[in-house]
PDB file of N, CA and C in Angstrom:
ATOM      1  N   MET A   1     -11.908   5.823  -8.646  1.00  0.00           N
ATOM      2  CA  MET A   1     -10.781   6.577  -9.152  1.00  0.00           C
ATOM      3  C   MET A   1     -10.067   7.311  -8.006  1.00  0.00           C
ATOM      4  N   LYS A   2     -10.887   7.832  -7.056  1.00  0.00           N
ATOM      5  CA  LYS A   2     -10.318   8.540  -5.925  1.00  0.00           C
ATOM      6  C   LYS A   2      -9.464   7.606  -5.069  1.00  0.00           C
ATOM      7  N   LYS A   3      -9.923   6.339  -4.905  1.00  0.00           N
ATOM      8  CA  LYS A   3      -9.171   5.370  -4.117  1.00  0.00           C
ATOM      9  C   LYS A   3      -7.840   5.043  -4.777  1.00  0.00           C
ATOM     10  N   ILE A   4      -7.846   4.943  -6.102  1.00  0.00           N
ATOM     11  CA  ILE A   4      -6.614   4.641  -6.835  1.00  0.00           C
ATOM     12  C   ILE A   4      -5.623   5.784  -6.663  1.00  0.00           C
ATOM     13  N   PHE A   5      -6.105   7.027  -6.755  1.00  0.00           N
ATOM     14  CA  PHE A   5      -5.232   8.182  -6.586  1.00  0.00           C
ATOM     15  C   PHE A   5      -4.647   8.216  -5.179  1.00  0.00           C
ATOM     16  N   LEU A   6      -5.501   7.962  -4.159  1.00  0.00           N
ATOM     17  CA  LEU A   6      -5.036   7.963  -2.779  1.00  0.00           C
ATOM     18  C   LEU A   6      -4.000   6.869  -2.558  1.00  0.00           C
ATOM     19  N   LEU A   7      -4.252   5.673  -3.092  1.00  0.00           N
ATOM     20  CA  LEU A   7      -3.301   4.576  -2.973  1.00  0.00           C
ATOM     21  C   LEU A   7      -1.980   4.939  -3.643  1.00  0.00           C
ATOM     22  N   PHE A   8      -2.057   5.553  -4.822  1.00  0.00           N
ATOM     23  CA  PHE A   8      -0.859   5.975  -5.542  1.00  0.00           C
ATOM     24  C   PHE A   8      -0.083   7.004  -4.723  1.00  0.00           C
ATOM     25  N   ALA A   9      -0.797   7.962  -4.106  1.00  0.00           N
ATOM     26  CA  ALA A   9      -0.138   8.989  -3.298  1.00  0.00           C
ATOM     27  C   ALA A   9       0.557   8.376  -2.091  1.00  0.00           C
ATOM     28  N   ILE A  10      -0.080   7.396  -1.472  1.00  0.00           N
ATOM     29  CA  ILE A  10       0.519   6.747  -0.306  1.00  0.00           C
ATOM     30  C   ILE A  10       1.769   5.966  -0.702  1.00  0.00           C
ATOM     31  N   VAL A  11       1.702   5.256  -1.824  1.00  0.00           N
ATOM     32  CA  VAL A  11       2.862   4.491  -2.285  1.00  0.00           C
ATOM     33  C   VAL A  11       4.018   5.431  -2.616  1.00  0.00           C
ATOM     34  N   ILE A  12       3.722   6.531  -3.319  1.00  0.00           N
ATOM     35  CA  ILE A  12       4.772   7.495  -3.663  1.00  0.00           C
ATOM     36  C   ILE A  12       5.379   8.081  -2.397  1.00  0.00           C
ATOM     37  N   THR A  13       4.547   8.424  -1.420  1.00  0.00           N
ATOM     38  CA  THR A  13       5.051   8.977  -0.170  1.00  0.00           C
ATOM     39  C   THR A  13       5.905   7.959   0.567  1.00  0.00           C
ATOM     40  N   SER A  14       5.484   6.693   0.594  1.00  0.00           N
ATOM     41  CA  SER A  14       6.266   5.651   1.261  1.00  0.00           C
ATOM     42  C   SER A  14       7.616   5.470   0.584  1.00  0.00           C
ATOM     43  N   VAL A  15       7.626   5.495  -0.734  1.00  0.00           N
ATOM     44  CA  VAL A  15       8.882   5.380  -1.477  1.00  0.00           C
ATOM     45  C   VAL A  15       9.763   6.584  -1.190  1.00  0.00           C
ATOM     46  N   SER A  16       9.154   7.769  -1.085  1.00  0.00           N
ATOM     47  CA  SER A  16       9.922   8.974  -0.794  1.00  0.00           C
ATOM     48  C   SER A  16      10.583   8.895   0.567  1.00  0.00           C
ATOM     49  N   ILE A  17       9.883   8.346   1.557  1.00  0.00           N
ATOM     50  CA  ILE A  17      10.477   8.216   2.895  1.00  0.00           C
ATOM     51  C   ILE A  17      11.703   7.326   2.827  1.00  0.00           C
ATOM     52  N   THR A  18      11.596   6.202   2.137  1.00  0.00           N
ATOM     53  CA  THR A  18      12.722   5.283   2.019  1.00  0.00           C
ATOM     54  C   THR A  18      13.861   5.924   1.246  1.00  0.00           C
ATOM     55  N   ALA A  19      13.544   6.639   0.172  1.00  0.00           N
ATOM     56  CA  ALA A  19      14.575   7.265  -0.649  1.00  0.00           C
ATOM     57  C   ALA A  19      15.278   8.379   0.102  1.00  0.00           C
ATOM     58  N   ASN A  20      14.556   9.126   0.919  1.00  0.00           N
ATOM     59  CA  ASN A  20      15.142  10.242   1.649  1.00  0.00           C
ATOM     60  C   ASN A  20      15.964   9.793   2.844  1.00  0.00           C
ATOM     61  N   ALA A  21      15.867   8.525   3.212  1.00  0.00           N
ATOM     62  CA  ALA A  21      16.543   8.047   4.414  1.00  0.00           C
ATOM     63  C   ALA A  21      17.964   7.565   4.145  1.00  0.00           C
ATOM     64  N   GLY A  22      18.489   7.802   2.968  1.00  0.00           N
ATOM     65  CA  GLY A  22      19.797   7.285   2.594  1.00  0.00           C
ATOM     66  C   GLY A  22      20.961   7.852   3.372  1.00  0.00           C
ATOM     67  N   THR A  23      20.934   9.121   3.716  1.00  0.00           N
ATOM     68  CA  THR A  23      22.041   9.712   4.435  1.00  0.00           C
ATOM     69  C   THR A  23      21.530  10.382   5.690  1.00  0.00           C
ATOM     70  N   SER A  24      22.433  10.617   6.610  1.00  0.00           N
ATOM     71  CA  SER A  24      22.036  11.222   7.880  1.00  0.00           C
ATOM     72  C   SER A  24      22.568  12.637   7.964  1.00  0.00           C
ATOM     73  N   ASN A  25      21.894  13.572   7.319  1.00  0.00           N
ATOM     74  CA  ASN A  25      22.243  14.973   7.464  1.00  0.00           C
ATOM     75  C   ASN A  25      20.993  15.754   7.827  1.00  0.00           C
ATOM     76  N   PRO A  26      21.137  16.966   8.350  1.00  0.00           N
ATOM     77  CA  PRO A  26      19.984  17.721   8.839  1.00  0.00           C
ATOM     78  C   PRO A  26      18.898  17.952   7.788  1.00  0.00           C
ATOM     79  N   LEU A  27      19.281  18.168   6.538  1.00  0.00           N
ATOM     80  CA  LEU A  27      18.276  18.388   5.500  1.00  0.00           C
ATOM     81  C   LEU A  27      17.453  17.129   5.259  1.00  0.00           C
ATOM     82  N   LYS A  28      18.092  15.982   5.239  1.00  0.00           N
ATOM     83  CA  LYS A  28      17.380  14.720   5.039  1.00  0.00           C
ATOM     84  C   LYS A  28      16.468  14.427   6.223  1.00  0.00           C
ATOM     85  N   GLU A  29      16.939  14.742   7.432  1.00  0.00           N
ATOM     86  CA  GLU A  29      16.107  14.520   8.612  1.00  0.00           C
ATOM     87  C   GLU A  29      14.883  15.427   8.587  1.00  0.00           C
ATOM     88  N   LYS A  30      15.064  16.653   8.112  1.00  0.00           N
ATOM     89  CA  LYS A  30      13.933  17.575   7.966  1.00  0.00           C
ATOM     90  C   LYS A  30      12.949  17.033   6.935  1.00  0.00           C
ATOM     91  N   ASP A  31      13.473  16.462   5.846  1.00  0.00           N
ATOM     92  CA  ASP A  31      12.613  15.836   4.840  1.00  0.00           C
ATOM     93  C   ASP A  31      11.833  14.671   5.430  1.00  0.00           C
ATOM     94  N   LEU A  32      12.486  13.878   6.283  1.00  0.00           N
ATOM     95  CA  LEU A  32      11.815  12.740   6.915  1.00  0.00           C
ATOM     96  C   LEU A  32      10.667  13.219   7.796  1.00  0.00           C
ATOM     97  N   LYS A  33      10.911  14.246   8.601  1.00  0.00           N
ATOM     98  CA  LYS A  33       9.858  14.782   9.466  1.00  0.00           C
ATOM     99  C   LYS A  33       8.698  15.302   8.620  1.00  0.00           C
ATOM    100  N   TYR A  34       9.018  15.956   7.519  1.00  0.00           N
ATOM    101  CA  TYR A  34       7.982  16.460   6.608  1.00  0.00           C
ATOM    102  C   TYR A  34       7.183  15.304   6.002  1.00  0.00           C
ATOM    103  N   GLN A  35       7.851  14.240   5.599  1.00  0.00           N
ATOM    104  CA  GLN A  35       7.179  13.083   5.013  1.00  0.00           C
ATOM    105  C   GLN A  35       6.252  12.409   6.028  1.00  0.00           C
ATOM    106  N   ILE A  36       6.723  12.294   7.262  1.00  0.00           N
ATOM    107  CA  ILE A  36       5.883  11.692   8.301  1.00  0.00           C
ATOM    108  C   ILE A  36       4.637  12.543   8.510  1.00  0.00           C
ATOM    109  N   SER A  37       4.813  13.860   8.566  1.00  0.00           N
ATOM    110  CA  SER A  37       3.647  14.728   8.770  1.00  0.00           C
ATOM    111  C   SER A  37       2.670  14.617   7.609  1.00  0.00           C
ATOM    112  N   ASN A  38       3.171  14.458   6.383  1.00  0.00           N
ATOM    113  CA  ASN A  38       2.281  14.262   5.232  1.00  0.00           C
ATOM    114  C   ASN A  38       1.511  12.951   5.334  1.00  0.00           C
ATOM    115  N   GLU A  39       2.193  11.895   5.770  1.00  0.00           N
ATOM    116  CA  GLU A  39       1.529  10.597   5.941  1.00  0.00           C
ATOM    117  C   GLU A  39       0.400  10.707   6.964  1.00  0.00           C
ATOM    118  N   ILE A  40       0.688  11.369   8.087  1.00  0.00           N
ATOM    119  CA  ILE A  40      -0.322  11.539   9.132  1.00  0.00           C
ATOM    120  C   ILE A  40      -1.488  12.377   8.609  1.00  0.00           C
ATOM    121  N   ARG A  41      -1.180  13.462   7.928  1.00  0.00           N
ATOM    122  CA  ARG A  41      -2.217  14.339   7.382  1.00  0.00           C
ATOM    123  C   ARG A  41      -3.123  13.578   6.421  1.00  0.00           C
ATOM    124  N   GLU A  42      -2.532  12.794   5.532  1.00  0.00           N
ATOM    125  CA  GLU A  42      -3.330  12.019   4.577  1.00  0.00           C
ATOM    126  C   GLU A  42      -4.208  11.003   5.296  1.00  0.00           C
ATOM    127  N   LYS A  43      -3.652  10.326   6.282  1.00  0.00           N
ATOM    128  CA  LYS A  43      -4.411   9.311   6.999  1.00  0.00           C
ATOM    129  C   LYS A  43      -5.581   9.929   7.761  1.00  0.00           C
ATOM    130  N   LEU A  44      -5.350  11.078   8.363  1.00  0.00           N
ATOM    131  CA  LEU A  44      -6.402  11.720   9.149  1.00  0.00           C
ATOM    132  C   LEU A  44      -7.441  12.416   8.279  1.00  0.00           C
ATOM    133  N   SER A  45      -7.128  12.639   7.005  1.00  0.00           N
ATOM    134  CA  SER A  45      -8.113  13.263   6.123  1.00  0.00           C
ATOM    135  C   SER A  45      -9.045  12.230   5.493  1.00  0.00           C
ATOM    136  N   SER A  46      -8.784  10.953   5.717  1.00  0.00           N
ATOM    137  CA  SER A  46      -9.672   9.907   5.216  1.00  0.00           C
ATOM    138  C   SER A  46     -10.971   9.942   6.021  1.00  0.00           C
ATOM    139  N   PRO A  47     -12.045   9.396   5.472  1.00  0.00           N
ATOM    140  CA  PRO A  47     -13.344   9.470   6.167  1.00  0.00           C
ATOM    141  C   PRO A  47     -13.299   8.865   7.564  1.00  0.00           C
ATOM    142  N   VAL A  48     -14.056   9.472   8.441  1.00  0.00           N
ATOM    143  CA  VAL A  48     -14.124   9.025   9.830  1.00  0.00           C
ATOM    144  C   VAL A  48     -15.386   8.197  10.011  1.00  0.00           C
ATOM    145  N   TYR A  49     -15.201   6.967  10.428  1.00  0.00           N
ATOM    146  CA  TYR A  49     -16.322   6.112  10.779  1.00  0.00           C
ATOM    147  C   TYR A  49     -16.315   6.030  12.298  1.00  0.00           C
ATOM    148  N   ILE A  50     -17.117   6.879  12.901  1.00  0.00           N
ATOM    149  CA  ILE A  50     -17.073   7.033  14.339  1.00  0.00           C
ATOM    150  C   ILE A  50     -17.704   5.834  15.034  1.00  0.00           C
ATOM    151  N   SER A  51     -16.943   5.240  15.907  1.00  0.00           N
ATOM    152  CA  SER A  51     -17.428   4.091  16.670  1.00  0.00           C
ATOM    153  C   SER A  51     -17.413   4.408  18.161  1.00  0.00           C
ATOM    154  N   TYR A  52     -17.599   5.655  18.467  1.00  0.00           N
ATOM    155  CA  TYR A  52     -17.573   6.098  19.854  1.00  0.00           C
ATOM    156  C   TYR A  52     -18.965   6.580  20.260  1.00  0.00           C
ATOM    157  N   ILE A  53     -19.291   6.429  21.524  1.00  0.00           N
ATOM    158  CA  ILE A  53     -20.571   6.933  22.023  1.00  0.00           C
ATOM    159  C   ILE A  53     -20.577   8.455  21.929  1.00  0.00           C
ATOM    160  N   ASN A  54     -19.504   9.074  22.367  1.00  0.00           N
ATOM    161  CA  ASN A  54     -19.358  10.520  22.267  1.00  0.00           C
ATOM    162  C   ASN A  54     -18.654  10.816  20.945  1.00  0.00           C
ATOM    163  N   LYS A  55     -19.345  11.462  20.030  1.00  0.00           N
ATOM    164  CA  LYS A  55     -18.807  11.686  18.688  1.00  0.00           C
ATOM    165  C   LYS A  55     -17.935  12.938  18.596  1.00  0.00           C
ATOM    166  N   ASP A  56     -17.568  13.512  19.721  1.00  0.00           N
ATOM    167  CA  ASP A  56     -16.756  14.722  19.732  1.00  0.00           C
ATOM    168  C   ASP A  56     -15.283  14.363  19.532  1.00  0.00           C
ATOM    169  N   LEU A  57     -14.758  14.715  18.382  1.00  0.00           N
ATOM    170  CA  LEU A  57     -13.339  14.498  18.105  1.00  0.00           C
ATOM    171  C   LEU A  57     -12.635  15.834  17.899  1.00  0.00           C
ATOM    172  N   SER A  58     -12.991  16.823  18.699  1.00  0.00           N
ATOM    173  CA  SER A  58     -12.350  18.126  18.559  1.00  0.00           C
ATOM    174  C   SER A  58     -11.321  18.306  19.668  1.00  0.00           C
ATOM    175  N   GLY A  59     -10.336  19.129  19.369  1.00  0.00           N
ATOM    176  CA  GLY A  59      -9.311  19.408  20.360  1.00  0.00           C
ATOM    177  C   GLY A  59      -7.917  19.387  19.774  1.00  0.00           C
ATOM    178  N   LYS A  60      -6.956  19.499  20.649  1.00  0.00           N
ATOM    179  CA  LYS A  60      -5.544  19.545  20.284  1.00  0.00           C
ATOM    180  C   LYS A  60      -4.868  18.291  20.813  1.00  0.00           C
ATOM    181  N   VAL A  61      -4.068  17.654  19.965  1.00  0.00           N
ATOM    182  CA  VAL A  61      -3.371  16.419  20.329  1.00  0.00           C
ATOM    183  C   VAL A  61      -1.878  16.608  20.099  1.00  0.00           C
ATOM    184  N   THR A  62      -1.079  16.175  21.050  1.00  0.00           N
ATOM    185  CA  THR A  62       0.367  16.129  20.863  1.00  0.00           C
ATOM    186  C   THR A  62       0.750  14.670  20.717  1.00  0.00           C
ATOM    187  N   CYS A  63       1.390  14.366  19.598  1.00  0.00           N
ATOM    188  CA  CYS A  63       1.762  12.994  19.268  1.00  0.00           C
ATOM    189  C   CYS A  63       3.285  12.917  19.158  1.00  0.00           C
ATOM    190  N   LYS A  64       3.881  12.038  19.937  1.00  0.00           N
ATOM    191  CA  LYS A  64       5.336  11.848  19.885  1.00  0.00           C
ATOM    192  C   LYS A  64       5.623  10.518  19.212  1.00  0.00           C
ATOM    193  N   MET A  65       6.572  10.536  18.272  1.00  0.00           N
ATOM    194  CA  MET A  65       6.929   9.337  17.528  1.00  0.00           C
ATOM    195  C   MET A  65       8.429   9.100  17.620  1.00  0.00           C
ATOM    196  N   ASN A  66       8.801   7.833  17.668  1.00  0.00           N
ATOM    197  CA  ASN A  66      10.211   7.433  17.750  1.00  0.00           C
ATOM    198  C   ASN A  66      10.559   6.524  16.583  1.00  0.00           C
ATOM    199  N   VAL A  67      11.820   6.575  16.172  1.00  0.00           N
ATOM    200  CA  VAL A  67      12.336   5.629  15.190  1.00  0.00           C
ATOM    201  C   VAL A  67      13.038   4.528  15.978  1.00  0.00           C
ATOM    202  N   ASN A  68      12.536   3.308  15.864  1.00  0.00           N
ATOM    203  CA  ASN A  68      13.107   2.163  16.578  1.00  0.00           C
ATOM    204  C   ASN A  68      14.436   1.740  15.952  1.00  0.00           C
ATOM    205  N   GLU A  69      15.133   0.827  16.609  1.00  0.00           N
ATOM    206  CA  GLU A  69      16.432   0.353  16.130  1.00  0.00           C
ATOM    207  C   GLU A  69      16.364  -0.291  14.753  1.00  0.00           C
ATOM    208  N   ASN A  70      15.215  -0.887  14.423  1.00  0.00           N
ATOM    209  CA  ASN A  70      15.066  -1.542  13.120  1.00  0.00           C
ATOM    210  C   ASN A  70      14.552  -0.596  12.036  1.00  0.00           C
ATOM    211  N   GLY A  71      14.335   0.695  12.372  1.00  0.00           N
ATOM    212  CA  GLY A  71      13.872   1.678  11.394  1.00  0.00           C
ATOM    213  C   GLY A  71      12.365   1.886  11.390  1.00  0.00           C
ATOM    214  N   LYS A  72      11.634   1.106  12.164  1.00  0.00           N
ATOM    215  CA  LYS A  72      10.175   1.258  12.248  1.00  0.00           C
ATOM    216  C   LYS A  72       9.850   2.522  13.042  1.00  0.00           C
ATOM    217  N   ILE A  73       8.940   3.331  12.508  1.00  0.00           N
ATOM    218  CA  ILE A  73       8.507   4.548  13.183  1.00  0.00           C
ATOM    219  C   ILE A  73       7.226   4.228  13.943  1.00  0.00           C
ATOM    220  N   SER A  74       7.234   4.483  15.245  1.00  0.00           N
ATOM    221  CA  SER A  74       6.074   4.132  16.071  1.00  0.00           C
ATOM    222  C   SER A  74       5.728   5.265  17.029  1.00  0.00           C
ATOM    223  N   ILE A  75       4.495   5.221  17.513  1.00  0.00           N
ATOM    224  CA  ILE A  75       4.014   6.221  18.459  1.00  0.00           C
ATOM    225  C   ILE A  75       4.569   5.895  19.845  1.00  0.00           C
ATOM    226  N   SER A  76       5.088   6.899  20.530  1.00  0.00           N
ATOM    227  CA  SER A  76       5.530   6.695  21.904  1.00  0.00           C
ATOM    228  C   SER A  76       4.567   7.336  22.893  1.00  0.00           C
ATOM    229  N   ASP A  77       3.834   8.377  22.455  1.00  0.00           N
ATOM    230  CA  ASP A  77       2.921   9.049  23.373  1.00  0.00           C
ATOM    231  C   ASP A  77       1.901   9.875  22.594  1.00  0.00           C
ATOM    232  N   VAL A  78       0.667   9.865  23.066  1.00  0.00           N
ATOM    233  CA  VAL A  78      -0.406  10.701  22.517  1.00  0.00           C
ATOM    234  C   VAL A  78      -1.079  11.369  23.697  1.00  0.00           C
ATOM    235  N   GLN A  79      -1.131  12.710  23.678  1.00  0.00           N
ATOM    236  CA  GLN A  79      -1.726  13.432  24.797  1.00  0.00           C
ATOM    237  C   GLN A  79      -2.766  14.424  24.312  1.00  0.00           C
ATOM    238  N   SER A  80      -3.931  14.365  24.941  1.00  0.00           N
ATOM    239  CA  SER A  80      -5.020  15.292  24.677  1.00  0.00           C
ATOM    240  C   SER A  80      -5.991  15.227  25.841  1.00  0.00           C
ATOM    241  N   LYS A  81      -6.768  16.263  26.010  1.00  0.00           N
ATOM    242  CA  LYS A  81      -7.799  16.250  27.048  1.00  0.00           C
ATOM    243  C   LYS A  81      -8.978  15.383  26.631  1.00  0.00           C
ATOM    244  N   ASN A  82      -9.136  15.183  25.328  1.00  0.00           N
ATOM    245  CA  ASN A  82     -10.252  14.405  24.781  1.00  0.00           C
ATOM    246  C   ASN A  82      -9.812  12.941  24.610  1.00  0.00           C
ATOM    247  N   LYS A  83     -10.330  12.045  25.442  1.00  0.00           N
ATOM    248  CA  LYS A  83      -9.927  10.636  25.402  1.00  0.00           C
ATOM    249  C   LYS A  83     -10.328   9.958  24.098  1.00  0.00           C
ATOM    250  N   ASN A  84     -11.484  10.332  23.536  1.00  0.00           N
ATOM    251  CA  ASN A  84     -11.909   9.765  22.256  1.00  0.00           C
ATOM    252  C   ASN A  84     -10.938  10.156  21.150  1.00  0.00           C
ATOM    253  N   LEU A  85     -10.472  11.387  21.195  1.00  0.00           N
ATOM    254  CA  LEU A  85      -9.515  11.861  20.200  1.00  0.00           C
ATOM    255  C   LEU A  85      -8.183  11.125  20.341  1.00  0.00           C
ATOM    256  N   ASN A  86      -7.743  10.873  21.568  1.00  0.00           N
ATOM    257  CA  ASN A  86      -6.518  10.089  21.801  1.00  0.00           C
ATOM    258  C   ASN A  86      -6.620   8.715  21.147  1.00  0.00           C
ATOM    259  N   THR A  87      -7.745   8.043  21.396  1.00  0.00           N
ATOM    260  CA  THR A  87      -7.951   6.704  20.842  1.00  0.00           C
ATOM    261  C   THR A  87      -7.987   6.745  19.327  1.00  0.00           C
ATOM    262  N   TYR A  88      -8.692   7.723  18.774  1.00  0.00           N
ATOM    263  CA  TYR A  88      -8.814   7.862  17.321  1.00  0.00           C
ATOM    264  C   TYR A  88      -7.444   8.073  16.671  1.00  0.00           C
ATOM    265  N   ILE A  89      -6.670   9.010  17.203  1.00  0.00           N
ATOM    266  CA  ILE A  89      -5.341   9.314  16.647  1.00  0.00           C
ATOM    267  C   ILE A  89      -4.431   8.096  16.754  1.00  0.00           C
ATOM    268  N   THR A  90      -4.443   7.436  17.887  1.00  0.00           N
ATOM    269  CA  THR A  90      -3.592   6.261  18.076  1.00  0.00           C
ATOM    270  C   THR A  90      -3.928   5.175  17.064  1.00  0.00           C
ATOM    271  N   LYS A  91      -5.213   4.897  16.870  1.00  0.00           N
ATOM    272  CA  LYS A  91      -5.618   3.865  15.903  1.00  0.00           C
ATOM    273  C   LYS A  91      -5.225   4.248  14.484  1.00  0.00           C
ATOM    274  N   LYS A  92      -5.460   5.494  14.108  1.00  0.00           N
ATOM    275  CA  LYS A  92      -5.157   5.929  12.738  1.00  0.00           C
ATOM    276  C   LYS A  92      -3.660   5.870  12.453  1.00  0.00           C
ATOM    277  N   ILE A  93      -2.856   6.379  13.359  1.00  0.00           N
ATOM    278  CA  ILE A  93      -1.410   6.422  13.111  1.00  0.00           C
ATOM    279  C   ILE A  93      -0.802   5.024  13.201  1.00  0.00           C
ATOM    280  N   ASN A  94      -1.293   4.194  14.117  1.00  0.00           N
ATOM    281  CA  ASN A  94      -0.785   2.823  14.199  1.00  0.00           C
ATOM    282  C   ASN A  94      -1.109   2.024  12.942  1.00  0.00           C
ATOM    283  N   SER A  95      -2.145   2.427  12.212  1.00  0.00           N
ATOM    284  CA  SER A  95      -2.486   1.713  10.984  1.00  0.00           C
ATOM    285  C   SER A  95      -1.524   2.048   9.841  1.00  0.00           C
ATOM    286  N   LEU A  96      -0.733   3.108  10.005  1.00  0.00           N
ATOM    287  CA  LEU A  96       0.293   3.435   9.010  1.00  0.00           C
ATOM    288  C   LEU A  96       1.481   2.493   9.190  1.00  0.00           C
ATOM    289  N   ASN A  97       2.124   2.151   8.102  1.00  0.00           N
ATOM    290  CA  ASN A  97       3.297   1.290   8.162  1.00  0.00           C
ATOM    291  C   ASN A  97       4.508   2.149   7.809  1.00  0.00           C
ATOM    292  N   LEU A  98       5.013   2.895   8.797  1.00  0.00           N
ATOM    293  CA  LEU A  98       6.087   3.850   8.557  1.00  0.00           C
ATOM    294  C   LEU A  98       7.450   3.253   8.897  1.00  0.00           C
ATOM    295  N   TRP A  99       8.365   3.332   7.930  1.00  0.00           N
ATOM    296  CA  TRP A  99       9.733   2.835   8.092  1.00  0.00           C
ATOM    297  C   TRP A  99      10.701   3.851   7.528  1.00  0.00           C
ATOM    298  N   THR A 100      11.930   3.828   8.009  1.00  0.00           N
ATOM    299  CA  THR A 100      12.986   4.671   7.468  1.00  0.00           C
ATOM    300  C   THR A 100      14.319   3.951   7.643  1.00  0.00           C
ATOM    301  N   GLY A 101      15.389   4.602   7.250  1.00  0.00           N
ATOM    302  CA  GLY A 101      16.715   4.012   7.341  1.00  0.00           C
ATOM    303  C   GLY A 101      17.192   3.857   8.776  1.00  0.00           C
ATOM    304  N   LEU A 102      18.096   2.927   8.994  1.00  0.00           N
ATOM    305  CA  LEU A 102      18.602   2.644  10.338  1.00  0.00           C
ATOM    306  C   LEU A 102      19.402   3.800  10.925  1.00  0.00           C
ATOM    307  N   GLU A 103      19.924   4.684  10.090  1.00  0.00           N
ATOM    308  CA  GLU A 103      20.705   5.804  10.611  1.00  0.00           C
ATOM    309  C   GLU A 103      19.862   6.796  11.408  1.00  0.00           C
ATOM    310  N   TYR A 104      18.530   6.691  11.321  1.00  0.00           N
ATOM    311  CA  TYR A 104      17.645   7.566  12.088  1.00  0.00           C
ATOM    312  C   TYR A 104      17.171   6.917  13.382  1.00  0.00           C
ATOM    313  N   SER A 105      17.641   5.706  13.700  1.00  0.00           N
ATOM    314  CA  SER A 105      17.189   5.026  14.918  1.00  0.00           C
ATOM    315  C   SER A 105      17.526   5.875  16.143  1.00  0.00           C
ATOM    316  N   GLY A 106      16.572   5.911  17.053  1.00  0.00           N
ATOM    317  CA  GLY A 106      16.736   6.705  18.261  1.00  0.00           C
ATOM    318  C   GLY A 106      16.224   8.126  18.148  1.00  0.00           C
ATOM    319  N   LYS A 107      15.895   8.578  16.948  1.00  0.00           N
ATOM    320  CA  LYS A 107      15.374   9.937  16.759  1.00  0.00           C
ATOM    321  C   LYS A 107      13.924   9.995  17.213  1.00  0.00           C
ATOM    322  N   SER A 108      13.519  11.150  17.717  1.00  0.00           N
ATOM    323  CA  SER A 108      12.141  11.368  18.153  1.00  0.00           C
ATOM    324  C   SER A 108      11.574  12.586  17.446  1.00  0.00           C
ATOM    325  N   TYR A 109      10.293  12.529  17.165  1.00  0.00           N
ATOM    326  CA  TYR A 109       9.603  13.628  16.504  1.00  0.00           C
ATOM    327  C   TYR A 109       8.310  13.904  17.253  1.00  0.00           C
ATOM    328  N   SER A 110       7.935  15.160  17.330  1.00  0.00           N
ATOM    329  CA  SER A 110       6.716  15.548  18.022  1.00  0.00           C
ATOM    330  C   SER A 110       5.839  16.345  17.059  1.00  0.00           C
ATOM    331  N   TYR A 111       4.547  16.022  17.057  1.00  0.00           N
ATOM    332  CA  TYR A 111       3.594  16.691  16.184  1.00  0.00           C
ATOM    333  C   TYR A 111       2.415  17.170  17.005  1.00  0.00           C
ATOM    334  N   THR A 112       1.886  18.335  16.655  1.00  0.00           N
ATOM    335  CA  THR A 112       0.673  18.849  17.266  1.00  0.00           C
ATOM    336  C   THR A 112      -0.407  18.858  16.208  1.00  0.00           C
ATOM    337  N   ILE A 113      -1.518  18.224  16.517  1.00  0.00           N
ATOM    338  CA  ILE A 113      -2.626  18.083  15.570  1.00  0.00           C
ATOM    339  C   ILE A 113      -3.836  18.787  16.166  1.00  0.00           C
ATOM    340  N   ASN A 114      -4.428  19.712  15.402  1.00  0.00           N
ATOM    341  CA  ASN A 114      -5.616  20.434  15.851  1.00  0.00           C
ATOM    342  C   ASN A 114      -6.835  19.947  15.094  1.00  0.00           C
ATOM    343  N   PHE A 115      -7.836  19.465  15.814  1.00  0.00           N
ATOM    344  CA  PHE A 115      -9.104  19.055  15.224  1.00  0.00           C
ATOM    345  C   PHE A 115     -10.144  20.093  15.598  1.00  0.00           C
ATOM    346  N   LYS A 116     -10.887  20.518  14.596  1.00  0.00           N
ATOM    347  CA  LYS A 116     -11.944  21.514  14.847  1.00  0.00           C
ATOM    348  C   LYS A 116     -13.298  20.951  14.566  1.00  0.00           C
TER     349      LYS A 116
END
């Protein structure tokens, strides 16, 4: 039941990103940034199956994302002192299939993620 709810939440969030991308105004762009942060938060709250020798995934990560010309949202940079955390964040976020409207192409967003 929990998996069905999570899947439903992801689908609703994905639909919301597409629906919010219709116009290019500051409020819609703020909504897009909020939606992306929700997607990342949901993905990172899923169970961690650690495949690293060093199981320490604590620290602060700065993640920069860009909207490509075709509307695909992708990671441009991940920075942290913890290399395992960099790899973990990159894999998790790359597994998301984030898209938005073409009017946001060229936009960049930066997120700071704190793991304790």
